[in-house]
Amino acid sequence: MARMHTRRRGSSDSDKPVADEPPEWSDVDADAVEERVVELAEQGHSPSEIGLKLRDEGVQGTPVPDVTLATDKKITEILEEHDAEPDLPEDLRNLMERAVRLREHMNENPNDHQNKRALQNTESKIRRLVDYYRGDELDVEFTYSYDTAKELL
């Protein structure tokens, strides 16, 4: 874990078990999984929500614990192939949603210094991420501001 805006250490992550093929109880056809992924994306679900839905509900009643093992592609790759990828990368979108919420909170509570700092940190992360995506996932001219975020969301 990166220690970006805090003095604390990151928590250690648990690792997924190493596997190179889906478990035998989940023998779903790769094409069926891809179709379901695109279908869920068109309903407006983000890639991580799609993964959770496939894990919990599955395809035709059979759970899909890991899309990558079932199809040899990540969910985002499947969406790109079918031209169903979201306009904003998911991590950037989540940060922008948080920044908009914090900004609205700050307008109502101008003396909330803790959240003022949280907003600064969040916007700093957004600018960093925008630099990373600019020219590839984002327009070369893209710059972050509260108004653009509000517009995009």
Protein backbone atom coordinates (compact mmCIF):
# COMPACT_ATOMS: atom_id res chain seq x y z
CA MET A 1 0.00 0.00 0.00
CA ALA A 2 1.29 3.45 -0.84
CA ARG A 3 1.41 5.90 2.01
CA MET A 4 0.13 8.87 0.15
CA HIS A 5 -1.57 11.30 2.48
CA THR A 6 -1.00 9.83 5.91
CA ARG A 7 1.75 8.89 8.31
CA ARG A 8 0.22 5.51 8.98
CA ARG A 9 1.37 2.32 7.35
CA GLY A 10 -0.80 0.57 4.82
CA SER A 11 -2.61 -2.58 5.85
CA SER A 12 -1.27 -5.79 4.40
CA ASP A 13 -3.47 -7.21 1.68
CA SER A 14 -4.72 -10.76 1.58
CA ASP A 15 -3.80 -12.47 -1.68
CA LYS A 16 -6.15 -14.41 -3.89
CA PRO A 17 -5.25 -18.09 -4.15
CA VAL A 18 -3.07 -18.80 -7.19
CA ALA A 19 -5.09 -20.53 -9.91
CA ASP A 20 -4.66 -20.87 -13.63
CA GLU A 21 -8.08 -22.26 -14.51
CA PRO A 22 -11.58 -21.69 -13.17
CA PRO A 23 -12.80 -24.19 -10.51
CA GLU A 24 -14.61 -27.24 -11.91
CA TRP A 25 -17.95 -26.14 -10.39
CA SER A 26 -17.83 -22.98 -12.52
CA ASP A 27 -17.76 -24.22 -16.11
CA VAL A 28 -19.38 -21.27 -17.87
CA ASP A 29 -18.77 -20.68 -21.56
CA ALA A 30 -16.38 -17.73 -22.08
CA ASP A 31 -18.66 -16.15 -24.69
CA ALA A 32 -21.62 -16.29 -22.28
CA VAL A 33 -19.53 -14.51 -19.64
CA GLU A 34 -18.48 -11.82 -22.14
CA GLU A 35 -22.10 -11.26 -23.22
CA ARG A 36 -23.18 -10.87 -19.58
CA VAL A 37 -20.31 -8.44 -18.87
CA VAL A 38 -21.35 -6.20 -21.79
CA GLU A 39 -25.02 -6.48 -20.79
CA LEU A 40 -24.25 -5.36 -17.21
CA ALA A 41 -22.06 -2.51 -18.50
CA GLU A 42 -24.93 -1.26 -20.67
CA GLN A 43 -27.13 -1.23 -17.55
CA GLY A 44 -24.64 1.25 -16.12
CA HIS A 45 -22.56 -0.94 -13.80
CA SER A 46 -18.87 -0.22 -13.22
CA PRO A 47 -16.25 -2.92 -13.88
CA SER A 48 -15.91 -3.78 -10.17
CA GLU A 49 -19.69 -3.98 -9.74
CA ILE A 50 -19.81 -6.31 -12.75
CA GLY A 51 -17.22 -8.57 -11.10
CA LEU A 52 -19.26 -8.68 -7.87
CA LYS A 53 -22.48 -9.42 -9.76
CA LEU A 54 -20.88 -12.28 -11.70
CA ARG A 55 -19.44 -13.67 -8.46
CA ASP A 56 -22.77 -13.48 -6.61
CA GLU A 57 -25.40 -14.05 -9.32
CA GLY A 58 -23.30 -15.70 -11.99
CA VAL A 59 -24.21 -16.45 -15.60
CA GLN A 60 -27.25 -18.68 -16.07
CA GLY A 61 -27.14 -19.39 -12.34
CA THR A 62 -23.51 -20.52 -12.27
CA PRO A 63 -21.22 -18.20 -10.27
CA VAL A 64 -18.10 -16.89 -12.01
CA PRO A 65 -15.49 -16.36 -9.27
CA ASP A 66 -12.90 -14.84 -11.63
CA VAL A 67 -13.68 -13.37 -15.04
CA THR A 68 -10.00 -13.37 -16.02
CA LEU A 69 -9.72 -17.13 -15.46
CA ALA A 70 -12.98 -17.81 -17.31
CA THR A 71 -12.21 -15.66 -20.38
CA ASP A 72 -8.44 -14.93 -20.31
CA LYS A 73 -9.39 -11.22 -20.39
CA LYS A 74 -10.00 -8.59 -17.75
CA ILE A 75 -13.45 -7.03 -17.51
CA THR A 76 -12.11 -3.70 -18.82
CA GLU A 77 -10.55 -5.50 -21.82
CA ILE A 78 -13.88 -7.17 -22.64
CA LEU A 79 -15.62 -3.78 -22.45
CA GLU A 80 -13.02 -2.17 -24.73
CA GLU A 81 -13.48 -4.92 -27.34
CA HIS A 82 -17.23 -4.37 -27.39
CA ASP A 83 -16.95 -0.56 -27.32
CA ALA A 84 -18.82 -0.47 -24.01
CA GLU A 85 -16.10 1.01 -21.82
CA PRO A 86 -17.10 3.95 -19.60
CA ASP A 87 -16.04 7.49 -20.62
CA LEU A 88 -14.00 7.84 -17.41
CA PRO A 89 -11.75 5.21 -15.84
CA GLU A 90 -13.44 3.84 -12.73
CA ASP A 91 -10.80 4.93 -10.20
CA LEU A 92 -10.88 8.50 -11.50
CA ARG A 93 -14.68 8.55 -11.50
CA ASN A 94 -14.83 7.38 -7.86
CA LEU A 95 -12.36 10.06 -6.77
CA MET A 96 -14.32 12.74 -8.64
CA GLU A 97 -17.57 11.63 -6.98
CA ARG A 98 -15.86 11.90 -3.60
CA ALA A 99 -14.48 15.37 -4.43
CA VAL A 100 -17.90 16.63 -5.52
CA ARG A 101 -19.50 15.30 -2.31
CA LEU A 102 -16.77 16.90 -0.19
CA ARG A 103 -17.04 20.22 -2.04
CA GLU A 104 -20.82 20.33 -1.44
CA HIS A 105 -20.23 19.48 2.22
CA MET A 106 -17.63 22.27 2.46
CA ASN A 107 -20.10 24.80 1.01
CA GLU A 108 -22.52 23.98 3.82
CA ASN A 109 -19.86 23.64 6.56
CA PRO A 110 -17.07 26.13 5.85
CA ASN A 111 -15.39 25.55 9.23
CA ASP A 112 -14.92 21.81 8.79
CA HIS A 113 -11.14 21.92 8.50
CA GLN A 114 -10.69 18.16 8.56
CA ASN A 115 -12.81 17.76 5.46
CA LYS A 116 -11.16 20.76 3.85
CA ARG A 117 -7.92 18.80 4.06
CA ALA A 118 -9.65 15.64 2.81
CA LEU A 119 -10.87 17.61 -0.21
CA GLN A 120 -7.35 18.92 -0.91
CA ASN A 121 -5.95 15.39 -0.71
CA THR A 122 -8.66 13.97 -2.95
CA GLU A 123 -8.19 16.69 -5.56
CA SER A 124 -4.45 16.13 -5.42
CA LYS A 125 -5.00 12.42 -6.14
CA ILE A 126 -7.32 13.32 -9.01
CA ARG A 127 -4.75 15.63 -10.60
CA ARG A 128 -2.12 12.90 -10.31
CA LEU A 129 -4.42 10.35 -11.91
CA VAL A 130 -5.44 12.77 -14.67
CA ASP A 131 -1.75 13.21 -15.54
CA TYR A 132 -1.46 9.42 -15.74
CA TYR A 133 -4.47 8.99 -18.04
CA ARG A 134 -4.09 12.16 -20.14
CA GLY A 135 -3.66 11.47 -23.84
CA ASP A 136 -4.59 7.80 -23.43
CA GLU A 137 -7.96 7.40 -21.68
CA LEU A 138 -8.51 11.16 -21.41
CA ASP A 139 -8.36 14.04 -23.84
CA VAL A 140 -4.95 15.73 -24.10
CA GLU A 141 -6.59 19.04 -23.13
CA PHE A 142 -8.39 17.62 -20.07
CA THR A 143 -7.86 19.49 -16.80
CA TYR A 144 -9.68 18.76 -13.57
CA SER A 145 -11.95 21.32 -11.96
CA TYR A 146 -15.01 21.01 -9.74
CA ASP A 147 -17.23 22.17 -12.61
CA THR A 148 -15.90 19.62 -15.11
CA ALA A 149 -16.30 16.89 -12.48
CA LYS A 150 -19.87 17.96 -11.78
CA GLU A 151 -20.59 18.00 -15.52
CA LEU A 152 -19.09 14.56 -16.14
CA LEU A 153 -20.94 12.95 -13.26
